[in-house]
PDB file of N, CA and C in Angstrom:
ATOM      1  N   MET A   1     104.918  32.225-138.120  1.00  0.00           N
ATOM      2  CA  MET A   1     106.108  32.668-138.818  1.00  0.00           C
ATOM      3  C   MET A   1     105.680  33.394-140.091  1.00  0.00           C
ATOM      4  N   THR A   2     106.349  34.508-140.365  1.00  0.00           N
ATOM      5  CA  THR A   2     106.003  35.294-141.545  1.00  0.00           C
ATOM      6  C   THR A   2     106.585  34.661-142.809  1.00  0.00           C
ATOM      7  N   ARG A   3     106.083  35.099-143.952  1.00  0.00           N
ATOM      8  CA  ARG A   3     106.596  34.600-145.238  1.00  0.00           C
ATOM      9  C   ARG A   3     108.088  34.895-145.377  1.00  0.00           C
ATOM     10  N   ASN A   4     108.502  36.112-144.985  1.00  0.00           N
ATOM     11  CA  ASN A   4     109.921  36.467-145.086  1.00  0.00           C
ATOM     12  C   ASN A   4     110.788  35.549-144.223  1.00  0.00           C
ATOM     13  N   GLN A   5     110.308  35.212-143.044  1.00  0.00           N
ATOM     14  CA  GLN A   5     111.056  34.301-142.178  1.00  0.00           C
ATOM     15  C   GLN A   5     111.146  32.919-142.805  1.00  0.00           C
ATOM     16  N   ASP A   6     110.034  32.455-143.406  1.00  0.00           N
ATOM     17  CA  ASP A   6     110.049  31.154-144.089  1.00  0.00           C
ATOM     18  C   ASP A   6     111.047  31.144-145.247  1.00  0.00           C
ATOM     19  N   VAL A   7     111.020  32.195-146.058  1.00  0.00           N
ATOM     20  CA  VAL A   7     111.936  32.286-147.204  1.00  0.00           C
ATOM     21  C   VAL A   7     113.378  32.363-146.707  1.00  0.00           C
ATOM     22  N   GLY A   8     113.616  33.136-145.651  1.00  0.00           N
ATOM     23  CA  GLY A   8     114.959  33.256-145.086  1.00  0.00           C
ATOM     24  C   GLY A   8     115.472  31.928-144.561  1.00  0.00           C
ATOM     25  N   ARG A   9     114.636  31.202-143.861  1.00  0.00           N
ATOM     26  CA  ARG A   9     115.027  29.892-143.327  1.00  0.00           C
ATOM     27  C   ARG A   9     115.304  28.913-144.468  1.00  0.00           C
ATOM     28  N   HIS A  10     114.440  28.931-145.482  1.00  0.00           N
ATOM     29  CA  HIS A  10     114.637  28.064-146.646  1.00  0.00           C
ATOM     30  C   HIS A  10     115.945  28.412-147.358  1.00  0.00           C
ATOM     31  N   SER A  11     116.243  29.692-147.478  1.00  0.00           N
ATOM     32  CA  SER A  11     117.483  30.135-148.124  1.00  0.00           C
ATOM     33  C   SER A  11     118.703  29.658-147.348  1.00  0.00           C
ATOM     34  N   GLU A  12     118.671  29.770-146.024  1.00  0.00           N
ATOM     35  CA  GLU A  12     119.786  29.299-145.201  1.00  0.00           C
ATOM     36  C   GLU A  12     119.976  27.791-145.342  1.00  0.00           C
ATOM     37  N   GLU A  13     118.880  27.049-145.347  1.00  0.00           N
ATOM     38  CA  GLU A  13     118.969  25.588-145.530  1.00  0.00           C
ATOM     39  C   GLU A  13     119.580  25.255-146.887  1.00  0.00           C
ATOM     40  N   TYR A  14     119.131  25.958-147.914  1.00  0.00           N
ATOM     41  CA  TYR A  14     119.623  25.713-149.268  1.00  0.00           C
ATOM     42  C   TYR A  14     121.128  25.965-149.345  1.00  0.00           C
ATOM     43  N   VAL A  15     121.572  27.101-148.811  1.00  0.00           N
ATOM     44  CA  VAL A  15     123.000  27.444-148.849  1.00  0.00           C
ATOM     45  C   VAL A  15     123.805  26.432-148.044  1.00  0.00           C
ATOM     46  N   SER A  16     123.309  26.053-146.886  1.00  0.00           N
ATOM     47  CA  SER A  16     123.996  25.066-146.055  1.00  0.00           C
ATOM     48  C   SER A  16     124.150  23.738-146.802  1.00  0.00           C
ATOM     49  N   ASP A  17     123.070  23.257-147.402  1.00  0.00           N
ATOM     50  CA  ASP A  17     123.116  22.011-148.180  1.00  0.00           C
ATOM     51  C   ASP A  17     124.070  22.138-149.365  1.00  0.00           C
ATOM     52  N   TYR A  18     124.048  23.275-150.030  1.00  0.00           N
ATOM     53  CA  TYR A  18     124.929  23.552-151.164  1.00  0.00           C
ATOM     54  C   TYR A  18     126.392  23.427-150.737  1.00  0.00           C
ATOM     55  N   LEU A  19     126.720  24.025-149.610  1.00  0.00           N
ATOM     56  CA  LEU A  19     128.094  23.983-149.108  1.00  0.00           C
ATOM     57  C   LEU A  19     128.526  22.561-148.747  1.00  0.00           C
ATOM     58  N   VAL A  20     127.651  21.813-148.108  1.00  0.00           N
ATOM     59  CA  VAL A  20     127.963  20.429-147.733  1.00  0.00           C
ATOM     60  C   VAL A  20     128.199  19.583-148.985  1.00  0.00           C
ATOM     61  N   ARG A  21     127.367  19.773-150.004  1.00  0.00           N
ATOM     62  CA  ARG A  21     127.540  19.020-151.252  1.00  0.00           C
ATOM     63  C   ARG A  21     128.881  19.307-151.920  1.00  0.00           C
ATOM     64  N   ARG A  22     129.449  20.460-151.645  1.00  0.00           N
ATOM     65  CA  ARG A  22     130.735  20.830-152.233  1.00  0.00           C
ATOM     66  C   ARG A  22     131.917  20.546-151.308  1.00  0.00           C
ATOM     67  N   GLY A  23     131.659  19.835-150.218  1.00  0.00           N
ATOM     68  CA  GLY A  23     132.747  19.374-149.362  1.00  0.00           C
ATOM     69  C   GLY A  23     132.996  20.173-148.107  1.00  0.00           C
ATOM     70  N   CYS A  24     132.149  21.113-147.807  1.00  0.00           N
ATOM     71  CA  CYS A  24     132.314  21.894-146.581  1.00  0.00           C
ATOM     72  C   CYS A  24     131.798  21.120-145.368  1.00  0.00           C
ATOM     73  N   LYS A  25     132.429  21.351-144.243  1.00  0.00           N
ATOM     74  CA  LYS A  25     131.964  20.792-142.968  1.00  0.00           C
ATOM     75  C   LYS A  25     131.337  21.942-142.182  1.00  0.00           C
ATOM     76  N   ILE A  26     130.061  21.815-141.868  1.00  0.00           N
ATOM     77  CA  ILE A  26     129.364  22.862-141.121  1.00  0.00           C
ATOM     78  C   ILE A  26     129.824  22.803-139.657  1.00  0.00           C
ATOM     79  N   LEU A  27     130.317  23.926-139.156  1.00  0.00           N
ATOM     80  CA  LEU A  27     130.774  24.013-137.770  1.00  0.00           C
ATOM     81  C   LEU A  27     129.705  24.614-136.865  1.00  0.00           C
ATOM     82  N   ALA A  28     128.903  25.542-137.409  1.00  0.00           N
ATOM     83  CA  ALA A  28     127.846  26.179-136.617  1.00  0.00           C
ATOM     84  C   ALA A  28     126.814  26.792-137.551  1.00  0.00           C
ATOM     85  N   ARG A  29     125.591  26.829-137.052  1.00  0.00           N
ATOM     86  CA  ARG A  29     124.493  27.514-137.750  1.00  0.00           C
ATOM     87  C   ARG A  29     123.864  28.477-136.753  1.00  0.00           C
ATOM     88  N   ASN A  30     123.571  29.665-137.207  1.00  0.00           N
ATOM     89  CA  ASN A  30     122.945  30.691-136.369  1.00  0.00           C
ATOM     90  C   ASN A  30     123.709  30.898-135.056  1.00  0.00           C
ATOM     91  N   TYR A  31     125.025  31.010-135.185  1.00  0.00           N
ATOM     92  CA  TYR A  31     125.889  31.229-134.020  1.00  0.00           C
ATOM     93  C   TYR A  31     125.685  32.666-133.536  1.00  0.00           C
ATOM     94  N   THR A  32     125.346  32.807-132.270  1.00  0.00           N
ATOM     95  CA  THR A  32     124.992  34.113-131.713  1.00  0.00           C
ATOM     96  C   THR A  32     125.864  34.450-130.511  1.00  0.00           C
ATOM     97  N   VAL A  33     126.290  35.691-130.458  1.00  0.00           N
ATOM     98  CA  VAL A  33     126.955  36.239-129.284  1.00  0.00           C
ATOM     99  C   VAL A  33     126.077  37.385-128.796  1.00  0.00           C
ATOM    100  N   HIS A  34     125.599  37.273-127.565  1.00  0.00           N
ATOM    101  CA  HIS A  34     124.691  38.264-126.988  1.00  0.00           C
ATOM    102  C   HIS A  34     125.285  39.671-127.087  1.00  0.00           C
ATOM    103  N   ASN A  35     124.493  40.600-127.534  1.00  0.00           N
ATOM    104  CA  ASN A  35     124.858  42.013-127.686  1.00  0.00           C
ATOM    105  C   ASN A  35     125.979  42.263-128.694  1.00  0.00           C
ATOM    106  N   VAL A  36     126.281  41.270-129.533  1.00  0.00           N
ATOM    107  CA  VAL A  36     127.307  41.465-130.557  1.00  0.00           C
ATOM    108  C   VAL A  36     126.707  41.203-131.931  1.00  0.00           C
ATOM    109  N   GLY A  37     126.298  39.956-132.194  1.00  0.00           N
ATOM    110  CA  GLY A  37     125.736  39.647-133.493  1.00  0.00           C
ATOM    111  C   GLY A  37     125.473  38.172-133.683  1.00  0.00           C
ATOM    112  N   GLU A  38     125.119  37.821-134.915  1.00  0.00           N
ATOM    113  CA  GLU A  38     124.760  36.451-135.276  1.00  0.00           C
ATOM    114  C   GLU A  38     125.345  36.137-136.642  1.00  0.00           C
ATOM    115  N   ILE A  39     125.790  34.896-136.801  1.00  0.00           N
ATOM    116  CA  ILE A  39     126.313  34.418-138.081  1.00  0.00           C
ATOM    117  C   ILE A  39     125.435  33.270-138.532  1.00  0.00           C
ATOM    118  N   ASP A  40     124.997  33.325-139.796  1.00  0.00           N
ATOM    119  CA  ASP A  40     124.099  32.295-140.309  1.00  0.00           C
ATOM    120  C   ASP A  40     124.786  30.936-140.421  1.00  0.00           C
ATOM    121  N   ILE A  41     125.965  30.902-141.057  1.00  0.00           N
ATOM    122  CA  ILE A  41     126.663  29.629-141.274  1.00  0.00           C
ATOM    123  C   ILE A  41     128.162  29.836-141.076  1.00  0.00           C
ATOM    124  N   ILE A  42     128.768  28.927-140.321  1.00  0.00           N
ATOM    125  CA  ILE A  42     130.226  28.871-140.206  1.00  0.00           C
ATOM    126  C   ILE A  42     130.620  27.463-140.634  1.00  0.00           C
ATOM    127  N   CYS A  43     131.526  27.380-141.621  1.00  0.00           N
ATOM    128  CA  CYS A  43     131.941  26.066-142.094  1.00  0.00           C
ATOM    129  C   CYS A  43     133.438  26.052-142.366  1.00  0.00           C
ATOM    130  N   GLU A  44     133.951  24.849-142.581  1.00  0.00           N
ATOM    131  CA  GLU A  44     135.363  24.675-142.893  1.00  0.00           C
ATOM    132  C   GLU A  44     135.490  24.029-144.258  1.00  0.00           C
ATOM    133  N   TYR A  45     136.409  24.555-145.055  1.00  0.00           N
ATOM    134  CA  TYR A  45     136.666  24.019-146.384  1.00  0.00           C
ATOM    135  C   TYR A  45     138.157  24.129-146.680  1.00  0.00           C
ATOM    136  N   LYS A  46     138.788  22.993-146.848  1.00  0.00           N
ATOM    137  CA  LYS A  46     140.220  22.937-147.180  1.00  0.00           C
ATOM    138  C   LYS A  46     141.062  23.795-146.236  1.00  0.00           C
ATOM    139  N   GLY A  47     140.777  23.679-144.947  1.00  0.00           N
ATOM    140  CA  GLY A  47     141.568  24.377-143.942  1.00  0.00           C
ATOM    141  C   GLY A  47     141.164  25.817-143.681  1.00  0.00           C
ATOM    142  N   LYS A  48     140.263  26.362-144.495  1.00  0.00           N
ATOM    143  CA  LYS A  48     139.775  27.726-144.295  1.00  0.00           C
ATOM    144  C   LYS A  48     138.454  27.690-143.537  1.00  0.00           C
ATOM    145  N   ILE A  49     138.215  28.708-142.753  1.00  0.00           N
ATOM    146  CA  ILE A  49     136.939  28.886-142.064  1.00  0.00           C
ATOM    147  C   ILE A  49     136.141  29.903-142.872  1.00  0.00           C
ATOM    148  N   LEU A  50     134.979  29.489-143.329  1.00  0.00           N
ATOM    149  CA  LEU A  50     134.113  30.370-144.118  1.00  0.00           C
ATOM    150  C   LEU A  50     132.964  30.847-143.239  1.00  0.00           C
ATOM    151  N   VAL A  51     132.850  32.150-143.124  1.00  0.00           N
ATOM    152  CA  VAL A  51     131.775  32.778-142.360  1.00  0.00           C
ATOM    153  C   VAL A  51     130.802  33.338-143.384  1.00  0.00           C
ATOM    154  N   ILE A  52     129.562  32.861-143.326  1.00  0.00           N
ATOM    155  CA  ILE A  52     128.604  33.172-144.389  1.00  0.00           C
ATOM    156  C   ILE A  52     127.353  33.838-143.821  1.00  0.00           C
ATOM    157  N   GLU A  53     127.070  35.019-144.344  1.00  0.00           N
ATOM    158  CA  GLU A  53     125.840  35.738-144.029  1.00  0.00           C
ATOM    159  C   GLU A  53     124.897  35.553-145.212  1.00  0.00           C
ATOM    160  N   VAL A  54     123.755  34.932-144.970  1.00  0.00           N
ATOM    161  CA  VAL A  54     122.793  34.637-146.033  1.00  0.00           C
ATOM    162  C   VAL A  54     121.750  35.754-146.089  1.00  0.00           C
ATOM    163  N   LYS A  55     121.545  36.291-147.279  1.00  0.00           N
ATOM    164  CA  LYS A  55     120.508  37.295-147.509  1.00  0.00           C
ATOM    165  C   LYS A  55     119.702  36.878-148.721  1.00  0.00           C
ATOM    166  N   SER A  56     118.394  37.044-148.638  1.00  0.00           N
ATOM    167  CA  SER A  56     117.556  36.665-149.774  1.00  0.00           C
ATOM    168  C   SER A  56     116.672  37.836-150.194  1.00  0.00           C
ATOM    169  N   ARG A  57     116.395  37.862-151.479  1.00  0.00           N
ATOM    170  CA  ARG A  57     115.526  38.875-152.078  1.00  0.00           C
ATOM    171  C   ARG A  57     114.733  38.217-153.201  1.00  0.00           C
ATOM    172  N   ASP A  58     113.572  38.795-153.496  1.00  0.00           N
ATOM    173  CA  ASP A  58     112.842  38.265-154.644  1.00  0.00           C
ATOM    174  C   ASP A  58     113.462  38.809-155.927  1.00  0.00           C
ATOM    175  N   PHE A  59     113.100  38.223-157.029  1.00  0.00           N
ATOM    176  CA  PHE A  59     113.749  38.524-158.305  1.00  0.00           C
ATOM    177  C   PHE A  59     113.525  39.955-158.784  1.00  0.00           C
ATOM    178  N   HIS A  60     112.578  40.667-158.190  1.00  0.00           N
ATOM    179  CA  HIS A  60     112.325  42.053-158.602  1.00  0.00           C
ATOM    180  C   HIS A  60     113.426  43.007-158.139  1.00  0.00           C
ATOM    181  N   GLU A  61     114.176  42.623-157.105  1.00  0.00           N
ATOM    182  CA  GLU A  61     115.262  43.431-156.547  1.00  0.00           C
ATOM    183  C   GLU A  61     114.813  44.856-156.226  1.00  0.00           C
ATOM    184  N   ARG A  62     113.643  44.979-155.652  1.00  0.00           N
ATOM    185  CA  ARG A  62     113.122  46.301-155.298  1.00  0.00           C
ATOM    186  C   ARG A  62     113.984  47.010-154.270  1.00  0.00           C
ATOM    187  N   PHE A  63     114.683  46.252-153.453  1.00  0.00           N
ATOM    188  CA  PHE A  63     115.487  46.838-152.387  1.00  0.00           C
ATOM    189  C   PHE A  63     116.970  46.576-152.609  1.00  0.00           C
ATOM    190  N   GLY A  64     117.375  46.407-153.853  1.00  0.00           N
ATOM    191  CA  GLY A  64     118.768  46.119-154.167  1.00  0.00           C
ATOM    192  C   GLY A  64     119.029  44.619-154.149  1.00  0.00           C
ATOM    193  N   THR A  65     120.278  44.275-154.432  1.00  0.00           N
ATOM    194  CA  THR A  65     120.639  42.859-154.456  1.00  0.00           C
ATOM    195  C   THR A  65     120.756  42.338-153.021  1.00  0.00           C
ATOM    196  N   PRO A  66     120.668  41.037-152.856  1.00  0.00           N
ATOM    197  CA  PRO A  66     120.812  40.488-151.502  1.00  0.00           C
ATOM    198  C   PRO A  66     122.162  40.846-150.878  1.00  0.00           C
ATOM    199  N   GLU A  67     123.222  40.827-151.684  1.00  0.00           N
ATOM    200  CA  GLU A  67     124.556  41.115-151.164  1.00  0.00           C
ATOM    201  C   GLU A  67     124.662  42.547-150.632  1.00  0.00           C
ATOM    202  N   GLU A  68     123.929  43.477-151.261  1.00  0.00           N
ATOM    203  CA  GLU A  68     123.952  44.870-150.815  1.00  0.00           C
ATOM    204  C   GLU A  68     123.332  45.037-149.433  1.00  0.00           C
ATOM    205  N   ALA A  69     122.542  44.074-149.014  1.00  0.00           N
ATOM    206  CA  ALA A  69     121.920  44.130-147.686  1.00  0.00           C
ATOM    207  C   ALA A  69     122.917  43.843-146.566  1.00  0.00           C
ATOM    208  N   VAL A  70     124.099  43.345-146.916  1.00  0.00           N
ATOM    209  CA  VAL A  70     125.142  43.121-145.913  1.00  0.00           C
ATOM    210  C   VAL A  70     125.963  44.406-145.853  1.00  0.00           C
ATOM    211  N   THR A  71     125.439  45.342-145.094  1.00  0.00           N
ATOM    212  CA  THR A  71     126.015  46.680-144.979  1.00  0.00           C
ATOM    213  C   THR A  71     127.329  46.642-144.197  1.00  0.00           C
ATOM    214  N   PRO A  72     128.106  47.705-144.265  1.00  0.00           N
ATOM    215  CA  PRO A  72     129.328  47.750-143.452  1.00  0.00           C
ATOM    216  C   PRO A  72     129.058  47.529-141.956  1.00  0.00           C
ATOM    217  N   ALA A  73     127.949  48.046-141.451  1.00  0.00           N
ATOM    218  CA  ALA A  73     127.615  47.840-140.035  1.00  0.00           C
ATOM    219  C   ALA A  73     127.356  46.351-139.762  1.00  0.00           C
ATOM    220  N   LYS A  74     126.644  45.683-140.673  1.00  0.00           N
ATOM    221  CA  LYS A  74     126.387  44.250-140.515  1.00  0.00           C
ATOM    222  C   LYS A  74     127.689  43.468-140.634  1.00  0.00           C
ATOM    223  N   GLN A  75     128.541  43.861-141.564  1.00  0.00           N
ATOM    224  CA  GLN A  75     129.832  43.196-141.723  1.00  0.00           C
ATOM    225  C   GLN A  75     130.643  43.275-140.429  1.00  0.00           C
ATOM    226  N   LYS A  76     130.635  44.439-139.799  1.00  0.00           N
ATOM    227  CA  LYS A  76     131.375  44.615-138.540  1.00  0.00           C
ATOM    228  C   LYS A  76     130.840  43.672-137.471  1.00  0.00           C
ATOM    229  N   LYS A  77     129.512  43.563-137.357  1.00  0.00           N
ATOM    230  CA  LYS A  77     128.916  42.654-136.370  1.00  0.00           C
ATOM    231  C   LYS A  77     129.296  41.208-136.649  1.00  0.00           C
ATOM    232  N   VAL A  78     129.261  40.837-137.925  1.00  0.00           N
ATOM    233  CA  VAL A  78     129.632  39.465-138.306  1.00  0.00           C
ATOM    234  C   VAL A  78     131.087  39.199-137.934  1.00  0.00           C
ATOM    235  N   MET A  79     131.950  40.155-138.212  1.00  0.00           N
ATOM    236  CA  MET A  79     133.371  39.977-137.923  1.00  0.00           C
ATOM    237  C   MET A  79     133.639  39.885-136.419  1.00  0.00           C
ATOM    238  N   LEU A  80     132.956  40.697-135.615  1.00  0.00           N
ATOM    239  CA  LEU A  80     133.118  40.616-134.162  1.00  0.00           C
ATOM    240  C   LEU A  80     132.600  39.281-133.623  1.00  0.00           C
ATOM    241  N   THR A  81     131.504  38.818-134.182  1.00  0.00           N
ATOM    242  CA  THR A  81     130.950  37.527-133.771  1.00  0.00           C
ATOM    243  C   THR A  81     131.888  36.397-134.177  1.00  0.00           C
ATOM    244  N   ALA A  82     132.456  36.486-135.373  1.00  0.00           N
ATOM    245  CA  ALA A  82     133.414  35.475-135.835  1.00  0.00           C
ATOM    246  C   ALA A  82     134.643  35.445-134.936  1.00  0.00           C
ATOM    247  N   ALA A  83     135.094  36.613-134.493  1.00  0.00           N
ATOM    248  CA  ALA A  83     136.251  36.670-133.588  1.00  0.00           C
ATOM    249  C   ALA A  83     135.941  35.936-132.282  1.00  0.00           C
ATOM    250  N   ALA A  84     134.722  36.098-131.775  1.00  0.00           N
ATOM    251  CA  ALA A  84     134.328  35.393-130.547  1.00  0.00           C
ATOM    252  C   ALA A  84     134.288  33.887-130.780  1.00  0.00           C
ATOM    253  N   PHE A  85     133.747  33.468-131.928  1.00  0.00           N
ATOM    254  CA  PHE A  85     133.696  32.043-132.267  1.00  0.00           C
ATOM    255  C   PHE A  85     135.106  31.465-132.339  1.00  0.00           C
ATOM    256  N   CYS A  86     135.985  32.165-133.022  1.00  0.00           N
ATOM    257  CA  CYS A  86     137.357  31.678-133.190  1.00  0.00           C
ATOM    258  C   CYS A  86     138.095  31.603-131.856  1.00  0.00           C
ATOM    259  N   LYS A  87     137.889  32.588-131.016  1.00  0.00           N
ATOM    260  CA  LYS A  87     138.512  32.563-129.682  1.00  0.00           C
ATOM    261  C   LYS A  87     138.008  31.364-128.894  1.00  0.00           C
ATOM    262  N   GLU A  88     136.705  31.147-128.928  1.00  0.00           N
ATOM    263  CA  GLU A  88     136.090  30.026-128.214  1.00  0.00           C
ATOM    264  C   GLU A  88     136.625  28.678-128.702  1.00  0.00           C
ATOM    265  N   LYS A  89     136.863  28.565-130.008  1.00  0.00           N
ATOM    266  CA  LYS A  89     137.286  27.300-130.611  1.00  0.00           C
ATOM    267  C   LYS A  89     138.800  27.187-130.800  1.00  0.00           C
ATOM    268  N   GLY A  90     139.553  28.236-130.462  1.00  0.00           N
ATOM    269  CA  GLY A  90     140.998  28.208-130.636  1.00  0.00           C
ATOM    270  C   GLY A  90     141.435  28.241-132.096  1.00  0.00           C
ATOM    271  N   ILE A  91     140.694  28.990-132.919  1.00  0.00           N
ATOM    272  CA  ILE A  91     140.966  29.099-134.355  1.00  0.00           C
ATOM    273  C   ILE A  91     141.614  30.446-134.640  1.00  0.00           C
ATOM    274  N   SER A  92     142.667  30.444-135.443  1.00  0.00           N
ATOM    275  CA  SER A  92     143.329  31.682-135.844  1.00  0.00           C
ATOM    276  C   SER A  92     142.441  32.462-136.812  1.00  0.00           C
ATOM    277  N   LEU A  93     142.334  33.762-136.578  1.00  0.00           N
ATOM    278  CA  LEU A  93     141.536  34.606-137.481  1.00  0.00           C
ATOM    279  C   LEU A  93     142.129  34.668-138.884  1.00  0.00           C
ATOM    280  N   GLU A  94     143.394  34.320-139.023  1.00  0.00           N
ATOM    281  CA  GLU A  94     144.018  34.312-140.349  1.00  0.00           C
ATOM    282  C   GLU A  94     143.402  33.260-141.260  1.00  0.00           C
ATOM    283  N   ARG A  95     142.721  32.271-140.685  1.00  0.00           N
ATOM    284  CA  ARG A  95     142.077  31.211-141.478  1.00  0.00           C
ATOM    285  C   ARG A  95     140.680  31.594-141.954  1.00  0.00           C
ATOM    286  N   VAL A  96     140.170  32.753-141.538  1.00  0.00           N
ATOM    287  CA  VAL A  96     138.766  33.113-141.755  1.00  0.00           C
ATOM    288  C   VAL A  96     138.586  33.945-143.016  1.00  0.00           C
ATOM    289  N   SER A  97     137.561  33.582-143.799  1.00  0.00           N
ATOM    290  CA  SER A  97     137.101  34.365-144.945  1.00  0.00           C
ATOM    291  C   SER A  97     135.615  34.645-144.753  1.00  0.00           C
ATOM    292  N   TYR A  98     135.192  35.815-145.194  1.00  0.00           N
ATOM    293  CA  TYR A  98     133.813  36.265-144.994  1.00  0.00           C
ATOM    294  C   TYR A  98     133.091  36.376-146.332  1.00  0.00           C
ATOM    295  N   TYR A  99     131.857  35.866-146.369  1.00  0.00           N
ATOM    296  CA  TYR A  99     131.068  35.900-147.600  1.00  0.00           C
ATOM    297  C   TYR A  99     129.619  36.269-147.316  1.00  0.00           C
ATOM    298  N   ALA A 100     129.031  37.009-148.244  1.00  0.00           N
ATOM    299  CA  ALA A 100     127.585  37.190-148.284  1.00  0.00           C
ATOM    300  C   ALA A 100     127.070  36.200-149.319  1.00  0.00           C
ATOM    301  N   ALA A 101     126.113  35.389-148.938  1.00  0.00           N
ATOM    302  CA  ALA A 101     125.466  34.472-149.874  1.00  0.00           C
ATOM    303  C   ALA A 101     124.136  35.115-150.254  1.00  0.00           C
ATOM    304  N   GLY A 102     124.091  35.676-151.444  1.00  0.00           N
ATOM    305  CA  GLY A 102     122.884  36.328-151.925  1.00  0.00           C
ATOM    306  C   GLY A 102     121.993  35.330-152.642  1.00  0.00           C
ATOM    307  N   VAL A 103     120.811  35.128-152.097  1.00  0.00           N
ATOM    308  CA  VAL A 103     119.864  34.162-152.650  1.00  0.00           C
ATOM    309  C   VAL A 103     118.721  34.925-153.306  1.00  0.00           C
ATOM    310  N   THR A 104     118.506  34.662-154.583  1.00  0.00           N
ATOM    311  CA  THR A 104     117.394  35.277-155.315  1.00  0.00           C
ATOM    312  C   THR A 104     116.311  34.229-155.504  1.00  0.00           C
ATOM    313  N   HIS A 105     115.070  34.622-155.258  1.00  0.00           N
ATOM    314  CA  HIS A 105     113.951  33.679-155.382  1.00  0.00           C
ATOM    315  C   HIS A 105     112.783  34.331-156.118  1.00  0.00           C
ATOM    316  N   ASP A 106     111.878  33.485-156.586  1.00  0.00           N
ATOM    317  CA  ASP A 106     110.693  33.999-157.272  1.00  0.00           C
ATOM    318  C   ASP A 106     109.612  34.352-156.255  1.00  0.00           C
ATOM    319  N   ALA A 107     108.466  34.800-156.746  1.00  0.00           N
ATOM    320  CA  ALA A 107     107.376  35.233-155.872  1.00  0.00           C
ATOM    321  C   ALA A 107     106.849  34.117-154.972  1.00  0.00           C
ATOM    322  N   SER A 108     107.049  32.865-155.375  1.00  0.00           N
ATOM    323  CA  SER A 108     106.597  31.725-154.566  1.00  0.00           C
ATOM    324  C   SER A 108     107.654  31.264-153.572  1.00  0.00           C
ATOM    325  N   GLY A 109     108.839  31.873-153.611  1.00  0.00           N
ATOM    326  CA  GLY A 109     109.906  31.489-152.694  1.00  0.00           C
ATOM    327  C   GLY A 109     110.848  30.438-153.252  1.00  0.00           C
ATOM    328  N   ASN A 110     110.648  30.049-154.511  1.00  0.00           N
ATOM    329  CA  ASN A 110     111.544  29.071-155.138  1.00  0.00           C
ATOM    330  C   ASN A 110     112.879  29.734-155.466  1.00  0.00           C
ATOM    331  N   ILE A 111     113.965  29.105-155.099  1.00  0.00           N
ATOM    332  CA  ILE A 111     115.286  29.682-155.291  1.00  0.00           C
ATOM    333  C   ILE A 111     115.684  29.641-156.760  1.00  0.00           C
ATOM    334  N   LEU A 112     116.118  30.801-157.253  1.00  0.00           N
ATOM    335  CA  LEU A 112     116.530  30.943-158.647  1.00  0.00           C
ATOM    336  C   LEU A 112     118.047  30.978-158.793  1.00  0.00           C
ATOM    337  N   ASN A 113     118.735  31.571-157.812  1.00  0.00           N
ATOM    338  CA  ASN A 113     120.173  31.762-157.939  1.00  0.00           C
ATOM    339  C   ASN A 113     120.798  32.001-156.569  1.00  0.00           C
ATOM    340  N   VAL A 114     122.071  31.588-156.422  1.00  0.00           N
ATOM    341  CA  VAL A 114     122.862  31.899-155.230  1.00  0.00           C
ATOM    342  C   VAL A 114     124.179  32.487-155.702  1.00  0.00           C
ATOM    343  N   GLN A 115     124.544  33.622-155.132  1.00  0.00           N
ATOM    344  CA  GLN A 115     125.783  34.313-155.495  1.00  0.00           C
ATOM    345  C   GLN A 115     126.588  34.534-154.217  1.00  0.00           C
ATOM    346  N   PHE A 116     127.828  34.047-154.192  1.00  0.00           N
ATOM    347  CA  PHE A 116     128.711  34.251-153.051  1.00  0.00           C
ATOM    348  C   PHE A 116     129.628  35.435-153.346  1.00  0.00           C
ATOM    349  N   THR A 117     129.609  36.428-152.457  1.00  0.00           N
ATOM    350  CA  THR A 117     130.424  37.616-152.616  1.00  0.00           C
ATOM    351  C   THR A 117     131.270  37.810-151.360  1.00  0.00           C
ATOM    352  N   PRO A 118     132.592  37.858-151.517  1.00  0.00           N
ATOM    353  CA  PRO A 118     133.437  38.070-150.335  1.00  0.00           C
ATOM    354  C   PRO A 118     133.288  39.493-149.810  1.00  0.00           C
ATOM    355  N   PHE A 119     133.450  39.637-148.500  1.00  0.00           N
ATOM    356  CA  PHE A 119     133.535  40.967-147.923  1.00  0.00           C
ATOM    357  C   PHE A 119     134.628  41.005-146.873  1.00  0.00           C
ATOM    358  N   PHE A 120     135.052  42.211-146.494  1.00  0.00           N
ATOM    359  CA  PHE A 120     136.103  42.510-145.513  1.00  0.00           C
ATOM    360  C   PHE A 120     137.201  43.287-146.134  1.00  0.00           C
TER     361      PHE A 120
END
């Protein structure tokens, strides 16, 4: 596994744990629909379904902020995948909110900050 994959996995775990500590119920992790897309975390909080795409970057931000990495094309894939999840589970799309969880870390991979930014 590459360093980027390790940092990405650690970031997803951190965000997932963060959400659980704040009262979210995790419904799915790495939910995938073949030829459509993948969602890092799907959880429920106070009756809302939160669809979360986790992106991480080092503190230098050489390639922009983590949230900027969730491009309109990626957002579309996430939304189509969320629609499939909701159909499968009998959940109304009106309950769904979409977020990019931008994780900033240092050169060693230690998490410095998490920023949740809504999209859609």
